[in-house]
Amino acid sequence: MSLALVAFSLKEIPLWFLPAITAAIIDIVADGGEVSTVLWWFALAVVLLLQNYPNHILYTRSFMRVVRDTGADLRNALASRLQSLSIGYHTRVSSSIVQTKVVRDVENVELMLQQVTHPLLSAIMVMAGAIATTAVLVPEFLPVYALAVPIAIGIRYGMRNRSQVRNEAFRREVETLSARVGEMASLIPVTRAHGLEETAVTRVTHGAEGVREAGFRLDMLNGHVASLSWVSMQLLGVGCLVLAAIFSLTGILPITPGEVVLLSTYFTLLTGGLTQLLMLIPVGARGLESVRSIAEVMQEPDLEQNAGKQHVERVDGGIRLVHATHRYPDADADALHDIDLDIAAGETIAFVGLSGSGKSTLLNLVLGFVRTTSGEVLLDGVDVQRLDMRTARRFVSVVPQESVLFEGTIRENIAYGLTHVDDQRIRQALRDANALAFVDEQPLGWDTVVGERGARLSGGQRQRLAIARALVRDPRILLLDEATSALDPESEELVKEALSRLMRGRTTLVVAHRLSTIRQADRIVVLERGRIVEEGSHDELLARDGRYAHLHLTQAGRA
């Protein structure tokens, strides 16, 4: 940035010094001076103009490196912060809004730096050069220059509050539209299946209408600023020319014809620079609003608290919940209440219950995504509140109901996040996940690109790749969140067989709606309204003829 400022100062010299050369040549002509003197002034002008090119290139390279580095650093900082924010934050805030902040708002900050800095520096250089030269040649005229500054400042501050309010309203409308477009894209299969295309379009149309109206109000305000700025500065410029001429003609000040041109040109440059700055108020306001938008993420207090806590270097897999209770913010009742559960390392525990009974919340407690309102969750005998859960999760794998793949090859998806994984290890993971056969059938094998979110693969194939991803990590704790509920019978059998290999020798917590998938669990825990109502093996719970037996009978009847 320092190098950019030096280069800018040098390249802008012609802008404020050429009027002095022009005035000198006019006075030479008016006084009948020597041609050689004119040529010396011409040579100086040529040198000043030619040096602009290398210094402009140096300025551009240095300054744009700063701008682009700032944009990259902001995006990296946002990504890092988003990874530190709690799961609760991400459930509250639309992913489309987050995307807008990382892409559009950072771009607005870059544009502000690009479009505002050059005119600002130019105005400062011209102002400094004009004032310095005038102070040497016609110091009596300096007070006239002072008129331009308070007028420009008055226009700026007169519009500041309204500009901030309208820019914020426009940003909020854009974020709302982004969220609705994201919803529409994710709901297209549902929309088409139910013939709700018009409803979906209407929701986006309402969002677009909000953007249109907020944008138009902002444009009108910017139009007022632009016109007021231009008219005010032009009037001052004409007034300066007339005043300089009157002073010269009346003899009030000893001003030569060349100095009349000099003063008028300087004042035009000065007012032009201020006009340009005032015209950039909309760009600056939009950039500052984007800075506030980015700050919403960077200053969001809902962090997952890991800093300064104990790092986890080894996990055996023992988990214990002691009177664990969790209530979500603004909820009327506990999602989990007074849970006492001791899970030995290597044990498989299945959780069953109706929707809303607390199964997923319990898994989130174990993962450290949510914290207990009261009670404790112990990992190998240590309260997870004392642990840096980011390091603990290196020993955990999750296979969710809907496996998530990214746009990349099969191999990249399996080895996601692992730096040194040999091909043999990946191939073995695919074989154990019952995925090797269909991977080998792909056109490019495991170098085949799976498409966004794995769109080019079936649900069963995606799920088996998720299992392979878990296997290649060799986790000590495994969480299965209804991992087979969305599959057809044939795919389910292949996935169940792969899961049985994955679960072997690992602490496994299973959430399942289909009770047929959990018969081999060491223990089955039945949850109802956040409480444990039954606990035991499949046969034990059937013999009790309680809640689990009722659920089993209901599903068997449906079958």
Protein backbone atom coordinates (compact mmCIF):
# COMPACT_ATOMS: atom_id res chain seq x y z
CA MET A 1 0.00 0.00 0.00
CA SER A 2 2.90 2.38 0.76
CA LEU A 3 4.42 1.66 -2.65
CA ALA A 4 1.02 2.30 -4.27
CA LEU A 5 0.72 5.68 -2.54
CA VAL A 6 4.20 6.76 -3.67
CA ALA A 7 3.50 5.67 -7.27
CA PHE A 8 0.13 7.44 -7.20
CA SER A 9 1.69 10.68 -5.95
CA LEU A 10 4.19 10.64 -8.82
CA LYS A 11 1.74 9.74 -11.57
CA GLU A 12 -0.70 12.48 -10.52
CA ILE A 13 1.87 15.30 -10.75
CA PRO A 14 0.79 16.29 -14.33
CA LEU A 15 -2.80 16.78 -13.16
CA TRP A 16 -1.95 19.65 -10.83
CA PHE A 17 1.29 20.94 -12.39
CA LEU A 18 0.19 21.24 -16.05
CA PRO A 19 -2.04 24.27 -15.27
CA ALA A 20 1.06 26.05 -13.95
CA ILE A 21 2.90 25.21 -17.20
CA THR A 22 -0.09 26.45 -19.22
CA ALA A 23 -0.21 29.71 -17.24
CA ALA A 24 3.54 30.24 -17.74
CA ILE A 25 3.31 29.74 -21.52
CA ILE A 26 0.30 32.12 -21.79
CA ASP A 27 2.22 34.78 -19.90
CA ILE A 28 5.30 34.25 -22.16
CA VAL A 29 3.06 34.77 -25.21
CA ALA A 30 1.33 37.80 -23.65
CA ASP A 31 4.70 39.39 -22.79
CA GLY A 32 6.35 38.48 -26.14
CA GLY A 33 8.91 36.15 -24.59
CA GLU A 34 11.43 33.69 -26.09
CA VAL A 35 10.50 30.51 -28.04
CA SER A 36 13.28 28.60 -26.28
CA THR A 37 11.59 29.25 -22.93
CA VAL A 38 8.33 27.79 -24.28
CA LEU A 39 10.25 24.70 -25.47
CA TRP A 40 11.78 24.20 -22.01
CA TRP A 41 8.30 24.26 -20.48
CA PHE A 42 7.17 21.83 -23.21
CA ALA A 43 10.02 19.44 -22.41
CA LEU A 44 9.09 19.49 -18.74
CA ALA A 45 5.46 18.72 -19.62
CA VAL A 46 6.55 15.75 -21.80
CA VAL A 47 8.65 14.26 -18.98
CA LEU A 48 5.82 14.64 -16.46
CA LEU A 49 3.32 13.03 -18.83
CA LEU A 50 5.58 10.10 -19.82
CA GLN A 51 6.37 9.15 -16.21
CA ASN A 52 2.64 8.64 -15.65
CA TYR A 53 2.62 5.29 -17.50
CA PRO A 54 5.19 3.28 -15.47
CA ASN A 55 3.98 4.79 -12.20
CA HIS A 56 0.35 4.06 -13.05
CA ILE A 57 1.21 0.41 -13.77
CA LEU A 58 3.15 0.22 -10.49
CA TYR A 59 0.22 1.81 -8.63
CA THR A 60 -2.29 -0.58 -10.23
CA ARG A 61 -0.21 -3.67 -9.46
CA SER A 62 0.42 -2.63 -5.84
CA PHE A 63 -3.03 -1.29 -5.00
CA MET A 64 -5.06 -4.02 -6.70
CA ARG A 65 -2.92 -6.63 -4.92
CA VAL A 66 -4.04 -5.01 -1.66
CA VAL A 67 -7.70 -4.98 -2.79
CA ARG A 68 -7.70 -8.59 -3.97
CA ASP A 69 -5.83 -9.76 -0.86
CA THR A 70 -8.38 -7.94 1.29
CA GLY A 71 -11.25 -9.67 -0.53
CA ALA A 72 -9.60 -13.09 -0.18
CA ASP A 73 -8.79 -12.47 3.49
CA LEU A 74 -12.39 -11.39 4.18
CA ARG A 75 -13.78 -14.51 2.51
CA ASN A 76 -11.32 -16.73 4.36
CA ALA A 77 -12.16 -15.01 7.65
CA LEU A 78 -15.90 -15.46 6.99
CA ALA A 79 -15.40 -19.14 6.14
CA SER A 80 -13.37 -19.66 9.31
CA ARG A 81 -15.93 -17.81 11.43
CA LEU A 82 -18.83 -19.77 9.91
CA GLN A 83 -17.06 -22.99 10.85
CA SER A 84 -16.72 -21.70 14.43
CA LEU A 85 -20.36 -20.65 14.83
CA SER A 86 -22.73 -23.04 16.54
CA ILE A 87 -25.07 -25.41 14.74
CA GLY A 88 -27.89 -23.31 16.23
CA TYR A 89 -26.72 -20.29 14.21
CA HIS A 90 -26.71 -22.30 10.99
CA THR A 91 -30.23 -23.61 11.63
CA ARG A 92 -31.46 -20.01 12.13
CA VAL A 93 -29.75 -18.41 9.12
CA SER A 94 -30.48 -19.41 5.53
CA SER A 95 -27.50 -20.83 3.64
CA SER A 96 -28.42 -18.52 0.73
CA ILE A 97 -28.01 -15.47 2.99
CA VAL A 98 -24.63 -16.77 4.16
CA GLN A 99 -23.62 -17.26 0.52
CA THR A 100 -24.68 -13.66 -0.27
CA LYS A 101 -22.47 -12.35 2.52
CA VAL A 102 -19.43 -14.33 1.40
CA VAL A 103 -19.83 -13.56 -2.33
CA ARG A 104 -21.82 -10.35 -2.91
CA ASP A 105 -20.93 -8.35 0.20
CA VAL A 106 -17.19 -8.98 -0.11
CA GLU A 107 -17.43 -8.04 -3.79
CA ASN A 108 -19.11 -4.74 -2.78
CA VAL A 109 -16.25 -4.02 -0.37
CA GLU A 110 -13.73 -4.67 -3.17
CA LEU A 111 -15.68 -2.36 -5.51
CA MET A 112 -15.78 0.34 -2.84
CA LEU A 113 -11.99 0.15 -2.42
CA GLN A 114 -11.43 0.23 -6.20
CA GLN A 115 -13.89 3.00 -7.07
CA VAL A 116 -13.48 5.28 -4.06
CA THR A 117 -9.74 5.18 -3.34
CA HIS A 118 -8.54 6.49 -6.73
CA PRO A 119 -10.83 9.59 -6.81
CA LEU A 120 -10.16 10.22 -3.12
CA LEU A 121 -6.37 10.16 -3.55
CA SER A 122 -6.64 12.16 -6.77
CA ALA A 123 -8.74 14.85 -5.07
CA ILE A 124 -6.27 15.03 -2.19
CA MET A 125 -3.27 15.32 -4.56
CA VAL A 126 -4.96 17.98 -6.71
CA MET A 127 -6.11 19.89 -3.66
CA ALA A 128 -2.62 19.80 -2.13
CA GLY A 129 -0.93 20.78 -5.41
CA ALA A 130 -3.45 23.52 -6.23
CA ILE A 131 -3.29 25.04 -2.76
CA ALA A 132 0.52 24.89 -2.66
CA THR A 133 0.97 26.44 -6.11
CA THR A 134 -1.68 29.11 -5.48
CA ALA A 135 -0.07 29.92 -2.11
CA VAL A 136 3.20 30.61 -3.97
CA LEU A 137 1.76 32.53 -6.96
CA VAL A 138 -1.51 34.17 -5.77
CA PRO A 139 -1.86 33.63 -2.01
CA GLU A 140 -4.67 36.20 -1.79
CA PHE A 141 -6.98 33.84 -3.71
CA LEU A 142 -6.77 30.95 -1.21
CA PRO A 143 -9.94 31.90 0.75
CA VAL A 144 -12.03 31.38 -2.41
CA TYR A 145 -10.93 27.72 -2.54
CA ALA A 146 -12.12 27.25 1.01
CA LEU A 147 -15.75 27.73 -0.11
CA ALA A 148 -15.81 24.39 -1.94
CA VAL A 149 -14.98 22.20 1.04
CA PRO A 150 -17.82 23.11 3.45
CA ILE A 151 -20.38 22.87 0.63
CA ALA A 152 -19.17 19.37 -0.27
CA ILE A 153 -19.13 18.30 3.39
CA GLY A 154 -22.64 19.73 3.88
CA ILE A 155 -24.03 17.72 0.96
CA ARG A 156 -22.27 14.58 2.22
CA TYR A 157 -23.57 14.76 5.77
CA GLY A 158 -27.00 15.95 4.70
CA MET A 159 -27.52 12.71 2.80
CA ARG A 160 -25.60 10.32 5.07
CA ASN A 161 -28.42 9.04 7.29
CA ARG A 162 -30.95 8.56 4.51
CA SER A 163 -28.31 6.84 2.38
CA GLN A 164 -27.46 4.41 5.20
CA VAL A 165 -31.11 3.57 5.88
CA ARG A 166 -31.95 2.96 2.21
CA ASN A 167 -28.80 0.89 1.59
CA GLU A 168 -29.61 -1.30 4.59
CA ALA A 169 -33.21 -1.75 3.39
CA PHE A 170 -31.92 -2.72 -0.06
CA ARG A 171 -29.45 -5.25 1.41
CA ARG A 172 -32.16 -6.86 3.55
CA GLU A 173 -34.42 -7.22 0.50
CA VAL A 174 -31.58 -8.82 -1.51
CA GLU A 175 -30.92 -11.29 1.33
CA THR A 176 -34.64 -12.15 1.47
CA LEU A 177 -34.69 -12.74 -2.28
CA SER A 178 -31.55 -14.92 -2.05
CA ALA A 179 -33.20 -17.04 0.65
CA ARG A 180 -36.36 -17.49 -1.45
CA VAL A 181 -34.39 -18.42 -4.56
CA GLY A 182 -32.47 -20.98 -2.48
CA GLU A 183 -35.76 -22.39 -1.16
CA MET A 184 -37.19 -22.57 -4.67
CA ALA A 185 -34.14 -24.44 -6.00
CA SER A 186 -34.24 -27.02 -3.18
CA LEU A 187 -38.02 -27.50 -3.41
CA ILE A 188 -38.31 -27.92 -7.19
CA PRO A 189 -39.02 -31.70 -7.00
CA VAL A 190 -41.77 -31.11 -4.39
CA THR A 191 -43.13 -28.10 -6.32
CA ARG A 192 -43.35 -30.04 -9.58
CA ALA A 193 -44.85 -33.11 -7.92
CA HIS A 194 -47.72 -31.07 -6.44
CA GLY A 195 -48.24 -28.67 -9.35
CA LEU A 196 -47.22 -25.65 -7.25
CA GLU A 197 -45.05 -23.92 -9.84
CA GLU A 198 -47.16 -20.75 -9.72
CA THR A 199 -46.93 -20.59 -5.93
CA ALA A 200 -43.15 -20.94 -6.03
CA VAL A 201 -42.83 -18.25 -8.71
CA THR A 202 -45.11 -15.94 -6.71
CA ARG A 203 -42.89 -16.21 -3.61
CA VAL A 204 -39.81 -15.27 -5.64
CA THR A 205 -41.77 -12.51 -7.42
CA HIS A 206 -42.66 -10.92 -4.07
CA GLY A 207 -38.98 -10.98 -3.11
CA ALA A 208 -37.95 -9.50 -6.48
CA GLU A 209 -40.62 -6.79 -6.06
CA GLY A 210 -39.14 -5.88 -2.68
CA VAL A 211 -35.66 -5.59 -4.24
CA ARG A 212 -37.09 -3.48 -7.10
CA GLU A 213 -38.84 -1.01 -4.81
CA ALA A 214 -35.94 -0.70 -2.34
CA GLY A 215 -33.48 -0.35 -5.23
CA PHE A 216 -35.61 2.34 -6.93
CA ARG A 217 -35.85 4.38 -3.72
CA LEU A 218 -32.07 4.11 -3.35
CA ASP A 219 -31.55 5.15 -7.00
CA MET A 220 -33.72 8.25 -6.53
CA LEU A 221 -31.75 9.30 -3.46
CA ASN A 222 -28.49 8.77 -5.37
CA GLY A 223 -29.91 10.89 -8.22
CA HIS A 224 -30.57 13.78 -5.82
CA VAL A 225 -27.02 13.53 -4.46
CA ALA A 226 -25.49 13.45 -7.95
CA SER A 227 -27.43 16.45 -9.24
CA LEU A 228 -26.93 18.60 -6.14
CA SER A 229 -23.21 17.83 -6.16
CA TRP A 230 -22.73 18.65 -9.85
CA VAL A 231 -24.76 21.88 -9.83
CA SER A 232 -23.09 23.20 -6.66
CA MET A 233 -19.56 22.52 -7.85
CA GLN A 234 -20.15 23.89 -11.37
CA LEU A 235 -21.59 27.12 -9.95
CA LEU A 236 -18.50 27.48 -7.78
CA GLY A 237 -16.24 26.86 -10.78
CA VAL A 238 -17.94 29.51 -12.93
CA GLY A 239 -17.91 31.92 -9.98
CA CYS A 240 -14.18 31.39 -9.51
CA LEU A 241 -13.46 32.14 -13.18
CA VAL A 242 -15.53 35.33 -13.11
CA LEU A 243 -14.00 36.47 -9.81
CA ALA A 244 -10.44 35.94 -11.07
CA ALA A 245 -11.26 37.91 -14.24
CA ILE A 246 -12.81 40.78 -12.23
CA PHE A 247 -9.80 40.93 -9.90
CA SER A 248 -7.45 41.06 -12.92
CA LEU A 249 -9.48 43.71 -14.83
CA THR A 250 -10.07 45.99 -11.84
CA GLY A 251 -6.58 45.64 -10.48
CA ILE A 252 -7.83 44.60 -7.04
CA LEU A 253 -5.21 41.83 -7.24
CA PRO A 254 -2.17 41.85 -9.55
CA ILE A 255 -3.28 38.77 -11.52
CA THR A 256 -1.88 38.11 -15.01
CA PRO A 257 -3.92 36.47 -17.83
CA GLY A 258 -2.00 33.25 -17.29
CA GLU A 259 -2.82 33.30 -13.59
CA VAL A 260 -6.54 33.79 -14.41
CA VAL A 261 -6.34 30.54 -16.38
CA LEU A 262 -4.31 28.94 -13.61
CA LEU A 263 -6.77 29.83 -10.85
CA SER A 264 -9.81 28.86 -12.92
CA THR A 265 -8.26 25.53 -13.91
CA TYR A 266 -7.24 24.70 -10.36
CA PHE A 267 -10.65 25.52 -9.02
CA THR A 268 -12.25 23.41 -11.76
CA LEU A 269 -9.96 20.52 -10.84
CA LEU A 270 -10.75 21.01 -7.17
CA THR A 271 -14.52 21.14 -7.63
CA GLY A 272 -14.33 18.29 -10.17
CA GLY A 273 -12.53 16.12 -7.64
CA LEU A 274 -15.06 16.95 -4.94
CA THR A 275 -17.93 16.29 -7.37
CA GLN A 276 -16.42 12.92 -8.21
CA LEU A 277 -16.15 12.11 -4.52
CA LEU A 278 -19.76 13.11 -3.91
CA MET A 279 -20.85 10.97 -6.86
CA LEU A 280 -19.18 8.04 -5.12
CA ILE A 281 -21.35 8.39 -2.02
CA PRO A 282 -23.69 5.61 -3.31
CA VAL A 283 -20.74 3.26 -3.92
CA GLY A 284 -19.26 4.05 -0.52
CA ALA A 285 -22.62 3.66 1.22
CA ARG A 286 -23.19 0.29 -0.46
CA GLY A 287 -19.69 -0.82 0.50
CA LEU A 288 -20.13 0.29 4.11
CA GLU A 289 -23.47 -1.52 4.30
CA SER A 290 -21.72 -4.65 3.07
CA VAL A 291 -19.07 -4.12 5.78
CA ARG A 292 -21.91 -4.05 8.33
CA SER A 293 -23.35 -7.22 6.78
CA ILE A 294 -19.98 -8.99 7.07
CA ALA A 295 -19.69 -7.72 10.65
CA GLU A 296 -22.97 -9.49 11.49
CA VAL A 297 -21.13 -12.77 10.97
CA MET A 298 -17.74 -11.74 12.34
CA GLN A 299 -19.31 -10.36 15.56
CA GLU A 300 -21.99 -13.05 15.99
CA PRO A 301 -21.58 -14.24 19.60
CA ASP A 302 -23.18 -17.68 19.11
CA LEU A 303 -19.87 -19.53 18.87
CA GLU A 304 -19.11 -23.15 19.54
CA GLN A 305 -16.90 -22.70 22.62
CA ASN A 306 -13.68 -24.63 21.94
CA ALA A 307 -10.92 -22.06 22.41
CA GLY A 308 -8.49 -22.86 25.21
CA LYS A 309 -10.02 -26.24 26.01
CA GLN A 310 -8.30 -29.60 26.33
CA HIS A 311 -7.24 -31.20 23.03
CA VAL A 312 -8.25 -34.82 22.51
CA GLU A 313 -5.39 -37.04 21.33
CA ARG A 314 -7.07 -40.44 21.79
CA VAL A 315 -10.64 -41.76 22.09
CA ASP A 316 -11.63 -45.18 23.42
CA GLY A 317 -15.34 -44.61 22.85
CA GLY A 318 -16.91 -44.64 26.32
CA ILE A 319 -19.86 -42.21 26.56
CA ARG A 320 -21.89 -41.36 29.64
CA LEU A 321 -24.81 -38.98 30.06
CA VAL A 322 -25.46 -37.88 33.64
CA HIS A 323 -28.82 -36.17 34.25
CA ALA A 324 -28.36 -34.56 30.84
CA THR A 325 -31.03 -32.01 29.97
CA HIS A 326 -31.25 -29.71 26.95
CA ARG A 327 -33.78 -27.04 26.07
CA TYR A 328 -33.59 -25.06 22.84
CA PRO A 329 -33.76 -21.24 23.08
CA ASP A 330 -37.34 -19.92 23.29
CA ALA A 331 -38.72 -23.48 23.64
CA ASP A 332 -41.48 -24.17 26.19
CA ALA A 333 -40.26 -27.65 27.13
CA ASP A 334 -37.02 -29.64 27.33
CA ALA A 335 -35.97 -31.46 24.16
CA LEU A 336 -34.16 -33.92 26.46
CA HIS A 337 -34.87 -34.25 30.18
CA ASP A 338 -32.74 -35.88 32.88
CA ILE A 339 -31.10 -38.50 30.63
CA ASP A 340 -28.95 -41.08 32.47
CA LEU A 341 -27.15 -43.43 30.11
CA ASP A 342 -23.83 -45.30 30.28
CA ILE A 343 -22.44 -46.55 26.95
CA ALA A 344 -19.36 -48.77 27.08
CA ALA A 345 -16.64 -48.53 24.44
CA GLY A 346 -17.51 -50.77 21.48
CA GLU A 347 -21.20 -51.06 22.44
CA THR A 348 -24.02 -50.50 19.93
CA ILE A 349 -26.98 -48.49 21.26
CA ALA A 350 -30.11 -47.86 19.19
CA PHE A 351 -32.50 -44.99 19.89
CA VAL A 352 -36.13 -45.28 18.85
CA GLY A 353 -39.20 -43.15 19.36
CA LEU A 354 -41.69 -40.97 17.56
CA SER A 355 -40.62 -37.82 15.75
CA GLY A 356 -39.77 -35.11 18.26
CA SER A 357 -38.86 -37.57 21.01
CA GLY A 358 -35.27 -36.21 21.21
CA LYS A 359 -33.26 -38.78 19.23
CA SER A 360 -31.39 -36.32 16.99
CA THR A 361 -30.88 -33.89 19.89
CA LEU A 362 -29.19 -36.69 21.84
CA LEU A 363 -26.77 -37.34 18.94
CA ASN A 364 -26.08 -33.59 18.75
CA LEU A 365 -25.27 -33.58 22.47
CA VAL A 366 -22.73 -36.37 22.00
CA LEU A 367 -21.19 -34.53 19.03
CA GLY A 368 -21.03 -31.32 21.05
CA PHE A 369 -23.18 -29.47 18.50
CA VAL A 370 -25.44 -28.44 21.38
CA ARG A 371 -24.55 -28.17 25.07
CA THR A 372 -26.48 -29.46 28.04
CA THR A 373 -28.73 -27.01 29.83
CA SER A 374 -27.96 -29.01 32.95
CA GLY A 375 -26.19 -32.29 33.66
CA GLU A 376 -23.11 -33.69 31.94
CA VAL A 377 -21.98 -35.60 28.87
CA LEU A 378 -18.73 -37.51 29.49
CA LEU A 379 -16.40 -38.81 26.80
CA ASP A 380 -14.03 -41.43 28.21
CA GLY A 381 -14.83 -40.04 31.64
CA VAL A 382 -14.12 -36.36 30.79
CA ASP A 383 -16.88 -33.74 30.62
CA VAL A 384 -17.18 -32.63 26.98
CA GLN A 385 -17.55 -29.05 28.25
CA ARG A 386 -13.82 -29.22 29.07
CA LEU A 387 -12.83 -30.65 25.66
CA ASP A 388 -12.08 -29.03 22.33
CA MET A 389 -14.73 -30.98 20.45
CA ARG A 390 -13.16 -30.17 17.10
CA THR A 391 -10.26 -32.46 18.04
CA ALA A 392 -12.62 -35.09 19.48
CA ARG A 393 -14.60 -35.28 16.23
CA ARG A 394 -11.51 -36.52 14.39
CA PHE A 395 -12.34 -39.89 16.01
CA VAL A 396 -16.03 -39.73 15.06
CA SER A 397 -17.85 -40.55 11.82
CA VAL A 398 -21.45 -39.74 11.00
CA VAL A 399 -23.61 -41.45 8.38
CA PRO A 400 -26.77 -39.32 8.04
CA GLN A 401 -30.10 -40.18 6.49
CA GLU A 402 -29.29 -38.09 3.41
CA SER A 403 -25.59 -38.40 2.67
CA VAL A 404 -23.97 -35.23 1.35
CA LEU A 405 -21.42 -35.39 -1.45
CA PHE A 406 -19.69 -32.41 -3.05
CA GLU A 407 -18.96 -31.65 -6.70
CA GLY A 408 -15.84 -33.74 -7.25
CA THR A 409 -14.65 -37.25 -7.98
CA ILE A 410 -15.63 -40.35 -6.02
CA ARG A 411 -12.06 -40.62 -4.70
CA GLU A 412 -12.06 -36.98 -3.52
CA ASN A 413 -15.34 -37.54 -1.71
CA ILE A 414 -14.09 -40.65 0.06
CA ALA A 415 -10.79 -39.03 1.13
CA TYR A 416 -12.41 -35.69 2.03
CA GLY A 417 -10.23 -33.88 4.58
CA LEU A 418 -7.53 -36.57 4.65
CA THR A 419 -4.17 -35.56 3.20
CA HIS A 420 -2.31 -38.84 2.80
CA VAL A 421 -4.54 -41.79 1.93
CA ASP A 422 -3.15 -44.54 -0.29
CA ASP A 423 -5.24 -46.08 -3.05
CA GLN A 424 -5.31 -49.50 -1.40
CA ARG A 425 -6.94 -48.07 1.74
CA ILE A 426 -9.63 -46.31 -0.30
CA ARG A 427 -10.26 -49.42 -2.40
CA GLN A 428 -10.66 -51.53 0.76
CA ALA A 429 -13.11 -48.98 2.20
CA LEU A 430 -15.17 -49.12 -1.01
CA ARG A 431 -15.13 -52.93 -0.93
CA ASP A 432 -16.25 -53.05 2.72
CA ALA A 433 -19.00 -50.50 1.94
CA ASN A 434 -20.34 -52.70 -0.90
CA ALA A 435 -19.55 -49.82 -3.25
CA LEU A 436 -16.60 -51.16 -5.25
CA ALA A 437 -18.72 -52.94 -7.87
CA PHE A 438 -20.72 -49.88 -8.95
CA VAL A 439 -17.65 -47.61 -8.71
CA ASP A 440 -15.71 -49.88 -11.09
CA GLU A 441 -18.66 -49.71 -13.50
CA GLN A 442 -18.41 -45.91 -13.72
CA PRO A 443 -16.87 -44.49 -16.93
CA LEU A 444 -13.77 -43.22 -15.12
CA GLY A 445 -13.90 -45.48 -12.08
CA TRP A 446 -13.31 -43.55 -8.86
CA ASP A 447 -12.20 -40.54 -10.92
CA THR A 448 -15.81 -40.11 -12.04
CA VAL A 449 -17.33 -36.76 -11.00
CA VAL A 450 -20.45 -37.35 -8.90
CA GLY A 451 -22.18 -34.03 -9.66
CA GLU A 452 -23.45 -31.44 -7.19
CA ARG A 453 -24.58 -33.17 -3.97
CA GLY A 454 -23.96 -36.51 -5.75
CA ALA A 455 -26.82 -35.94 -8.21
CA ARG A 456 -25.47 -38.49 -10.72
CA LEU A 457 -25.72 -41.35 -8.25
CA SER A 458 -28.68 -43.14 -6.71
CA GLY A 459 -29.60 -42.77 -3.04
CA GLY A 460 -28.19 -46.20 -2.21
CA GLN A 461 -24.95 -45.49 -4.04
CA ARG A 462 -24.51 -42.16 -2.23
CA GLN A 463 -25.15 -43.85 1.10
CA ARG A 464 -22.56 -46.55 0.45
CA LEU A 465 -20.01 -43.86 -0.47
CA ALA A 466 -20.81 -42.15 2.83
CA ILE A 467 -20.09 -45.43 4.60
CA ALA A 468 -16.82 -45.78 2.68
CA ARG A 469 -15.94 -42.22 3.76
CA ALA A 470 -16.53 -43.26 7.37
CA LEU A 471 -14.59 -46.53 7.00
CA VAL A 472 -11.49 -44.89 5.55
CA ARG A 473 -11.25 -42.76 8.72
CA ASP A 474 -11.36 -45.78 11.05
CA PRO A 475 -13.44 -43.90 13.69
CA ARG A 476 -13.81 -44.95 17.33
CA ILE A 477 -17.36 -43.60 17.59
CA LEU A 478 -19.97 -44.00 14.89
CA LEU A 479 -23.28 -42.14 14.65
CA LEU A 480 -25.94 -43.48 12.29
CA ASP A 481 -28.90 -41.14 11.85
CA GLU A 482 -31.64 -43.15 10.11
CA ALA A 483 -29.03 -44.24 7.57
CA THR A 484 -31.31 -46.69 5.70
CA SER A 485 -34.76 -45.10 6.02
CA ALA A 486 -34.78 -43.53 2.53
CA LEU A 487 -33.65 -46.61 0.61
CA ASP A 488 -35.39 -49.30 -1.42
CA PRO A 489 -35.23 -52.89 -0.03
CA GLU A 490 -32.37 -54.03 -2.29
CA SER A 491 -30.21 -50.97 -1.52
CA GLU A 492 -31.12 -51.26 2.15
CA GLU A 493 -29.75 -54.78 2.34
CA LEU A 494 -26.46 -53.74 0.73
CA VAL A 495 -26.18 -50.74 3.08
CA LYS A 496 -27.08 -52.81 6.18
CA GLU A 497 -24.40 -55.33 5.28
CA ALA A 498 -21.86 -52.51 4.85
CA LEU A 499 -22.95 -50.91 8.13
CA SER A 500 -22.45 -54.17 10.02
CA ARG A 501 -18.79 -54.13 8.92
CA LEU A 502 -18.48 -50.47 9.81
CA MET A 503 -19.96 -50.96 13.32
CA ARG A 504 -17.68 -53.83 14.24
CA GLY A 505 -15.56 -52.96 17.30
CA ARG A 506 -16.76 -49.34 17.43
CA THR A 507 -19.02 -47.46 19.81
CA THR A 508 -22.13 -47.00 17.70
CA LEU A 509 -25.20 -44.84 18.29
CA VAL A 510 -28.04 -45.62 15.92
CA VAL A 511 -31.23 -43.63 15.30
CA ALA A 512 -33.75 -45.62 13.30
CA HIS A 513 -37.43 -45.54 12.42
CA ARG A 514 -37.39 -49.04 10.95
CA LEU A 515 -37.09 -51.31 13.99
CA SER A 516 -36.03 -54.22 11.76
CA THR A 517 -32.64 -52.51 11.29
CA ILE A 518 -31.72 -52.45 15.00
CA ARG A 519 -32.51 -55.94 16.26
CA GLN A 520 -28.83 -56.77 16.68
CA ALA A 521 -28.08 -53.71 18.83
CA ASP A 522 -26.64 -54.45 22.29
CA ARG A 523 -29.27 -52.17 23.79
CA ILE A 524 -32.30 -50.31 22.53
CA VAL A 525 -33.30 -47.07 24.23
CA VAL A 526 -36.89 -45.87 23.76
CA LEU A 527 -37.36 -42.10 24.02
CA GLU A 528 -40.64 -40.28 24.49
CA ARG A 529 -40.93 -36.50 24.85
CA GLY A 530 -37.25 -36.21 25.68
CA ARG A 531 -37.22 -38.92 28.39
CA ILE A 532 -36.02 -42.54 28.46
CA VAL A 533 -39.11 -44.71 28.96
CA GLU A 534 -37.61 -48.14 28.19
CA GLU A 535 -34.18 -49.72 27.80
CA GLY A 536 -33.03 -53.25 26.94
CA SER A 537 -32.35 -55.72 24.13
CA HIS A 538 -34.86 -56.37 21.35
CA ASP A 539 -36.12 -59.60 22.93
CA GLU A 540 -36.27 -58.09 26.44
CA LEU A 541 -38.33 -55.15 25.29
CA LEU A 542 -40.73 -57.33 23.32
CA ALA A 543 -41.21 -59.50 26.42
CA ARG A 544 -42.12 -56.44 28.51
CA ASP A 545 -44.96 -55.63 26.12
CA GLY A 546 -44.41 -51.91 26.61
CA ARG A 547 -43.83 -48.94 24.34
CA TYR A 548 -41.25 -50.68 22.13
CA ALA A 549 -43.46 -53.74 21.70
CA HIS A 550 -46.31 -51.42 20.64
CA LEU A 551 -44.08 -49.70 18.05
CA HIS A 552 -42.87 -53.07 16.80
CA LEU A 553 -46.41 -54.39 16.48
CA THR A 554 -47.50 -51.26 14.63
CA GLN A 555 -44.70 -51.56 12.07
CA ALA A 556 -45.22 -55.30 11.67
CA GLY A 557 -48.92 -54.62 11.00
CA ARG A 558 -48.02 -52.11 8.30
CA ALA A 559 -45.64 -54.62 6.74
